[in-house]
C-alpha atoms as a PDB file:
ATOM      1  CA  MET A   1       1.876  92.054  85.199  1.00  0.00           C
ATOM      2  CA  PRO A   2       3.971  93.580  88.027  1.00  0.00           C
ATOM      3  CA  PRO A   3       4.122  91.453  91.218  1.00  0.00           C
ATOM      4  CA  ALA A   4       2.037  93.939  93.232  1.00  0.00           C
ATOM      5  CA  GLU A   5      -0.772  93.681  90.669  1.00  0.00           C
ATOM      6  CA  ALA A   6      -0.572  89.883  90.605  1.00  0.00           C
ATOM      7  CA  ASP A   7      -1.183  89.821  94.365  1.00  0.00           C
ATOM      8  CA  ARG A   8      -4.207  92.113  94.396  1.00  0.00           C
ATOM      9  CA  PRO A   9      -7.637  90.533  94.141  1.00  0.00           C
ATOM     10  CA  PRO A  10      -9.665  91.093  90.983  1.00  0.00           C
ATOM     11  CA  ASN A  11     -12.209  93.899  90.932  1.00  0.00           C
ATOM     12  CA  ASN A  12     -14.769  91.588  89.328  1.00  0.00           C
ATOM     13  CA  VAL A  13     -15.298  87.846  89.292  1.00  0.00           C
ATOM     14  CA  VAL A  14     -17.857  87.073  86.609  1.00  0.00           C
ATOM     15  CA  LEU A  15     -19.607  83.714  86.469  1.00  0.00           C
ATOM     16  CA  PHE A  16     -21.518  82.596  83.421  1.00  0.00           C
ATOM     17  CA  SER A  17     -24.153  79.998  82.655  1.00  0.00           C
ATOM     18  CA  GLY A  18     -26.166  79.720  79.498  1.00  0.00           C
ATOM     19  CA  HIS A  19     -27.627  77.544  76.827  1.00  0.00           C
ATOM     20  CA  MET A  20     -25.551  75.355  74.572  1.00  0.00           C
ATOM     21  CA  ILE A  21     -25.960  75.676  70.817  1.00  0.00           C
ATOM     22  CA  ASP A  22     -28.912  73.508  69.812  1.00  0.00           C
ATOM     23  CA  ALA A  23     -28.059  69.956  68.826  1.00  0.00           C
ATOM     24  CA  PRO A  24     -28.993  69.047  65.258  1.00  0.00           C
ATOM     25  CA  GLY A  25     -32.648  68.027  65.164  1.00  0.00           C
ATOM     26  CA  ARG A  26     -33.583  69.651  68.489  1.00  0.00           C
ATOM     27  CA  THR A  27     -37.396  69.662  68.507  1.00  0.00           C
ATOM     28  CA  VAL A  28     -37.905  72.957  70.350  1.00  0.00           C
ATOM     29  CA  PRO A  29     -35.177  75.484  69.477  1.00  0.00           C
ATOM     30  CA  ARG A  30     -33.460  77.139  72.422  1.00  0.00           C
ATOM     31  CA  PHE A  31     -30.167  78.491  71.018  1.00  0.00           C
ATOM     32  CA  PRO A  32     -30.211  78.187  67.213  1.00  0.00           C
ATOM     33  CA  ALA A  33     -26.768  78.408  65.609  1.00  0.00           C
ATOM     34  CA  ASP A  34     -27.815  81.488  63.623  1.00  0.00           C
ATOM     35  CA  LYS A  35     -28.164  83.438  66.905  1.00  0.00           C
ATOM     36  CA  GLU A  36     -24.498  83.042  67.841  1.00  0.00           C
ATOM     37  CA  ALA A  37     -23.496  86.580  66.782  1.00  0.00           C
ATOM     38  CA  VAL A  38     -26.433  88.102  68.683  1.00  0.00           C
ATOM     39  CA  ALA A  39     -25.465  86.214  71.840  1.00  0.00           C
ATOM     40  CA  ALA A  40     -21.767  87.074  71.497  1.00  0.00           C
ATOM     41  CA  ALA A  41     -22.558  90.778  71.142  1.00  0.00           C
ATOM     42  CA  ALA A  42     -24.885  90.724  74.176  1.00  0.00           C
ATOM     43  CA  ILE A  43     -22.249  89.007  76.320  1.00  0.00           C
ATOM     44  CA  ALA A  44     -19.552  91.490  75.249  1.00  0.00           C
ATOM     45  CA  ARG A  45     -21.873  94.445  76.016  1.00  0.00           C
ATOM     46  CA  THR A  46     -22.631  93.015  79.454  1.00  0.00           C
ATOM     47  CA  LEU A  47     -18.954  92.582  80.323  1.00  0.00           C
ATOM     48  CA  ALA A  48     -18.419  96.217  79.305  1.00  0.00           C
ATOM     49  CA  GLU A  49     -21.403  97.269  81.449  1.00  0.00           C
ATOM     50  CA  ILE A  50     -19.927  95.424  84.441  1.00  0.00           C
ATOM     51  CA  GLY A  51     -16.672  97.249  83.780  1.00  0.00           C
ATOM     52  CA  VAL A  52     -14.327  94.274  83.635  1.00  0.00           C
ATOM     53  CA  THR A  53     -10.642  94.968  83.176  1.00  0.00           C
ATOM     54  CA  ALA A  54      -7.479  92.965  82.691  1.00  0.00           C
ATOM     55  CA  GLY A  55      -6.894  90.773  85.717  1.00  0.00           C
ATOM     56  CA  ASP A  56     -10.562  90.263  86.529  1.00  0.00           C
ATOM     57  CA  VAL A  57     -11.682  86.627  86.611  1.00  0.00           C
ATOM     58  CA  ALA A  58     -14.094  84.867  84.224  1.00  0.00           C
ATOM     59  CA  ILE A  59     -15.554  81.529  85.380  1.00  0.00           C
ATOM     60  CA  CYS A  60     -17.641  79.214  83.198  1.00  0.00           C
ATOM     61  CA  GLY A  61     -18.137  75.621  82.181  1.00  0.00           C
ATOM     62  CA  GLY A  62     -16.737  75.452  78.632  1.00  0.00           C
ATOM     63  CA  ALA A  63     -19.683  73.991  76.695  1.00  0.00           C
ATOM     64  CA  CYS A  64     -20.457  74.951  73.095  1.00  0.00           C
ATOM     65  CA  GLY A  65     -22.637  78.025  72.803  1.00  0.00           C
ATOM     66  CA  GLY A  66     -22.928  80.449  75.692  1.00  0.00           C
ATOM     67  CA  ASP A  67     -20.004  79.190  77.784  1.00  0.00           C
ATOM     68  CA  LEU A  68     -17.457  79.432  74.994  1.00  0.00           C
ATOM     69  CA  LEU A  69     -18.833  82.759  73.747  1.00  0.00           C
ATOM     70  CA  PHE A  70     -18.395  84.104  77.285  1.00  0.00           C
ATOM     71  CA  ALA A  71     -14.906  82.594  77.536  1.00  0.00           C
ATOM     72  CA  GLU A  72     -13.871  84.241  74.268  1.00  0.00           C
ATOM     73  CA  ALA A  73     -15.305  87.611  75.331  1.00  0.00           C
ATOM     74  CA  GLY A  74     -13.611  87.405  78.720  1.00  0.00           C
ATOM     75  CA  LEU A  75     -10.260  86.624  77.130  1.00  0.00           C
ATOM     76  CA  ALA A  76     -10.736  89.537  74.719  1.00  0.00           C
ATOM     77  CA  HIS A  77     -11.140  91.794  77.784  1.00  0.00           C
ATOM     78  CA  GLY A  78      -7.917  90.436  79.336  1.00  0.00           C
ATOM     79  CA  MET A  79      -9.720  88.461  82.021  1.00  0.00           C
ATOM     80  CA  ALA A  80      -8.160  85.399  83.666  1.00  0.00           C
ATOM     81  CA  LEU A  81     -10.297  82.490  82.464  1.00  0.00           C
ATOM     82  CA  GLU A  82     -11.152  79.512  84.668  1.00  0.00           C
ATOM     83  CA  LEU A  83     -12.998  76.596  83.039  1.00  0.00           C
ATOM     84  CA  TYR A  84     -14.794  74.114  85.304  1.00  0.00           C
ATOM     85  CA  ILE A  85     -16.034  70.890  83.755  1.00  0.00           C
ATOM     86  CA  PRO A  86     -18.176  68.281  85.545  1.00  0.00           C
ATOM     87  CA  LEU A  87     -16.880  65.176  83.760  1.00  0.00           C
ATOM     88  CA  SER A  88     -13.602  63.805  82.468  1.00  0.00           C
ATOM     89  CA  GLU A  89     -12.518  65.894  79.502  1.00  0.00           C
ATOM     90  CA  PRO A  90     -13.303  63.217  76.854  1.00  0.00           C
ATOM     91  CA  ALA A  91     -16.797  62.674  78.308  1.00  0.00           C
ATOM     92  CA  PHE A  92     -17.376  66.419  78.601  1.00  0.00           C
ATOM     93  CA  LEU A  93     -16.351  67.025  74.998  1.00  0.00           C
ATOM     94  CA  ALA A  94     -18.679  64.274  73.780  1.00  0.00           C
ATOM     95  CA  ASN A  95     -21.650  65.513  75.837  1.00  0.00           C
ATOM     96  CA  SER A  96     -21.239  69.280  75.693  1.00  0.00           C
ATOM     97  CA  VAL A  97     -19.054  70.363  72.776  1.00  0.00           C
ATOM     98  CA  ASP A  98     -18.497  67.975  69.890  1.00  0.00           C
ATOM     99  CA  PHE A  99     -22.126  67.446  68.862  1.00  0.00           C
ATOM    100  CA  ALA A 100     -22.140  71.044  67.615  1.00  0.00           C
ATOM    101  CA  GLY A 101     -19.305  70.518  65.127  1.00  0.00           C
ATOM    102  CA  ALA A 102     -15.544  70.739  64.764  1.00  0.00           C
ATOM    103  CA  ASP A 103     -15.504  74.539  65.013  1.00  0.00           C
ATOM    104  CA  TRP A 104     -16.760  74.353  68.612  1.00  0.00           C
ATOM    105  CA  HIS A 105     -14.180  71.674  69.457  1.00  0.00           C
ATOM    106  CA  ASP A 106     -11.408  73.916  68.132  1.00  0.00           C
ATOM    107  CA  ARG A 107     -12.805  76.907  70.024  1.00  0.00           C
ATOM    108  CA  TYR A 108     -12.849  74.867  73.239  1.00  0.00           C
ATOM    109  CA  LEU A 109      -9.196  73.895  72.721  1.00  0.00           C
ATOM    110  CA  SER A 110      -8.280  77.520  71.997  1.00  0.00           C
ATOM    111  CA  ALA A 111     -10.000  78.784  75.160  1.00  0.00           C
ATOM    112  CA  LYS A 112      -8.521  75.957  77.234  1.00  0.00           C
ATOM    113  CA  ALA A 113      -5.016  76.873  76.017  1.00  0.00           C
ATOM    114  CA  ARG A 114      -5.458  80.330  77.605  1.00  0.00           C
ATOM    115  CA  ALA A 115      -7.316  79.187  80.726  1.00  0.00           C
ATOM    116  CA  THR A 116      -6.924  77.246  83.922  1.00  0.00           C
ATOM    117  CA  LEU A 117      -8.885  74.019  83.449  1.00  0.00           C
ATOM    118  CA  HIS A 118     -10.510  72.395  86.480  1.00  0.00           C
ATOM    119  CA  VAL A 119     -11.855  68.860  86.021  1.00  0.00           C
ATOM    120  CA  MET A 120     -14.304  68.089  88.808  1.00  0.00           C
ATOM    121  CA  PRO A 121     -13.721  64.316  89.166  1.00  0.00           C
ATOM    122  CA  ASN A 122      -9.960  64.923  89.390  1.00  0.00           C
ATOM    123  CA  GLU A 123     -10.150  67.750  91.920  1.00  0.00           C
ATOM    124  CA  LEU A 124     -13.213  66.873  94.009  1.00  0.00           C
ATOM    125  CA  GLY A 125     -13.306  63.105  93.665  1.00  0.00           C
ATOM    126  CA  PRO A 126     -16.261  60.893  92.806  1.00  0.00           C
ATOM    127  CA  LEU A 127     -19.863  62.000  93.177  1.00  0.00           C
ATOM    128  CA  SER A 128     -21.750  61.170  96.333  1.00  0.00           C
ATOM    129  CA  ALA A 129     -24.777  58.916  95.964  1.00  0.00           C
ATOM    130  CA  GLY A 130     -27.665  60.910  94.515  1.00  0.00           C
ATOM    131  CA  ASP A 131     -25.521  63.910  93.547  1.00  0.00           C
ATOM    132  CA  ASN A 132     -25.816  65.347  90.030  1.00  0.00           C
ATOM    133  CA  PRO A 133     -22.531  66.273  88.306  1.00  0.00           C
ATOM    134  CA  TYR A 134     -23.925  69.432  86.715  1.00  0.00           C
ATOM    135  CA  GLU A 135     -25.452  70.742  89.952  1.00  0.00           C
ATOM    136  CA  ARG A 136     -22.218  69.938  91.788  1.00  0.00           C
ATOM    137  CA  ASN A 137     -20.237  71.788  89.131  1.00  0.00           C
ATOM    138  CA  ASN A 138     -22.501  74.845  89.500  1.00  0.00           C
ATOM    139  CA  ARG A 139     -21.931  74.855  93.269  1.00  0.00           C
ATOM    140  CA  TRP A 140     -18.194  74.431  92.748  1.00  0.00           C
ATOM    141  CA  MET A 141     -18.007  77.419  90.403  1.00  0.00           C
ATOM    142  CA  LEU A 142     -19.958  79.555  92.886  1.00  0.00           C
ATOM    143  CA  ASP A 143     -17.669  78.481  95.722  1.00  0.00           C
ATOM    144  CA  GLN A 144     -14.593  79.331  93.668  1.00  0.00           C
ATOM    145  CA  ALA A 145     -15.958  82.753  92.754  1.00  0.00           C
ATOM    146  CA  ALA A 146     -16.771  83.433  96.410  1.00  0.00           C
ATOM    147  CA  ARG A 147     -13.107  83.067  97.394  1.00  0.00           C
ATOM    148  CA  PHE A 148     -12.679  86.715  96.369  1.00  0.00           C
ATOM    149  CA  GLY A 149     -15.711  87.940  98.339  1.00  0.00           C
ATOM    150  CA  GLY A 150     -19.341  88.140  97.305  1.00  0.00           C
ATOM    151  CA  ALA A 151     -19.240  91.871  96.545  1.00  0.00           C
ATOM    152  CA  ARG A 152     -16.846  91.209  93.647  1.00  0.00           C
ATOM    153  CA  MET A 153     -19.082  88.528  92.134  1.00  0.00           C
ATOM    154  CA  ALA A 154     -21.353  89.085  89.131  1.00  0.00           C
ATOM    155  CA  PHE A 155     -23.372  86.479  87.256  1.00  0.00           C
ATOM    156  CA  ILE A 156     -24.338  86.566  83.574  1.00  0.00           C
ATOM    157  CA  THR A 157     -26.874  84.125  82.211  1.00  0.00           C
ATOM    158  CA  LEU A 158     -27.973  83.540  78.616  1.00  0.00           C
ATOM    159  CA  TRP A 159     -31.284  81.863  79.315  1.00  0.00           C
ATOM    160  CA  ASN A 160     -34.872  81.579  78.126  1.00  0.00           C
ATOM    161  CA  GLY A 161     -36.314  81.522  81.660  1.00  0.00           C
ATOM    162  CA  GLU A 162     -37.500  77.932  81.394  1.00  0.00           C
ATOM    163  CA  GLY A 163     -36.499  74.699  83.098  1.00  0.00           C
ATOM    164  CA  GLY A 164     -33.693  72.755  81.493  1.00  0.00           C
ATOM    165  CA  ASP A 165     -33.450  69.395  79.814  1.00  0.00           C
ATOM    166  CA  GLY A 166     -32.239  67.888  83.090  1.00  0.00           C
ATOM    167  CA  PRO A 167     -30.838  68.748  86.520  1.00  0.00           C
ATOM    168  CA  GLY A 168     -28.000  71.204  86.915  1.00  0.00           C
ATOM    169  CA  GLY A 169     -28.822  73.496  84.027  1.00  0.00           C
ATOM    170  CA  THR A 170     -28.992  77.244  83.728  1.00  0.00           C
ATOM    171  CA  GLN A 171     -32.100  77.547  85.910  1.00  0.00           C
ATOM    172  CA  HIS A 172     -30.337  75.770  88.794  1.00  0.00           C
ATOM    173  CA  PHE A 173     -27.291  78.014  88.448  1.00  0.00           C
ATOM    174  CA  MET A 174     -29.436  81.172  88.279  1.00  0.00           C
ATOM    175  CA  GLU A 175     -31.275  80.228  91.476  1.00  0.00           C
ATOM    176  CA  ALA A 176     -28.003  79.507  93.280  1.00  0.00           C
ATOM    177  CA  ALA A 177     -26.342  82.693  91.995  1.00  0.00           C
ATOM    178  CA  ARG A 178     -29.254  84.843  93.152  1.00  0.00           C
ATOM    179  CA  ARG A 179     -28.559  83.643  96.698  1.00  0.00           C
ATOM    180  CA  GLU A 180     -24.905  84.710  96.435  1.00  0.00           C
ATOM    181  CA  SER A 181     -24.886  87.946  94.420  1.00  0.00           C
ATOM    182  CA  ALA A 182     -27.107  90.927  93.740  1.00  0.00           C
ATOM    183  CA  ARG A 183     -25.256  91.586  90.472  1.00  0.00           C
ATOM    184  CA  ILE A 184     -27.273  89.390  88.120  1.00  0.00           C
ATOM    185  CA  TYR A 185     -27.338  90.066  84.367  1.00  0.00           C
ATOM    186  CA  TRP A 186     -30.003  88.012  82.613  1.00  0.00           C
ATOM    187  CA  LEU A 187     -29.706  87.964  78.828  1.00  0.00           C
ATOM    188  CA  ASP A 188     -33.219  86.732  78.122  1.00  0.00           C
ATOM    189  CA  THR A 189     -33.087  84.806  74.862  1.00  0.00           C
ATOM    190  CA  ARG A 190     -36.844  85.241  74.349  1.00  0.00           C
ATOM    191  CA  LYS A 191     -36.069  88.938  73.819  1.00  0.00           C
ATOM    192  CA  LEU A 192     -32.618  88.615  72.235  1.00  0.00           C
ATOM    193  CA  TRP A 193     -33.756  86.287  69.474  1.00  0.00           C
ATOM    194  CA  ASN A 194     -36.562  88.628  68.345  1.00  0.00           C
END
């Protein structure tokens, strides 16, 4: 990339939040593994609809499922990928990647090799009393996207519209993103999976 292009801000900064692939034995399915191709195609279509180009920025968390599908699609569009994880990398991999199988671990490593990795405890320090690491990570990603100006920000979510399994999930990120950007793209899994 010529130096003048490297200095210009991206046209689009796209944040993503979405469901992880269901853990084996999940009682109520949310993102069954057999829906991966459907989700990947929907994410790719949405990036095309936004009009992303090389040099735009993709920001996500790096978990198995939606995050890594978004990361792969962003890289395929030539976007600069930034991964933000809320825990040390070994803890993050155990909690959010490895339960879904070795393929997802390898895909994480592949995306990470082409990304800038941000590890929250290393960059922001320890959590304050009562703070949730996933909610803090959501806020951090929003703050980082905002550095380019809110008009450049878009948010894609792969979500069923329901509350999560705990604090700091997709619902929390969607609510926070709606306060920051009018460019919201909700890939409603209740419709996508049917």
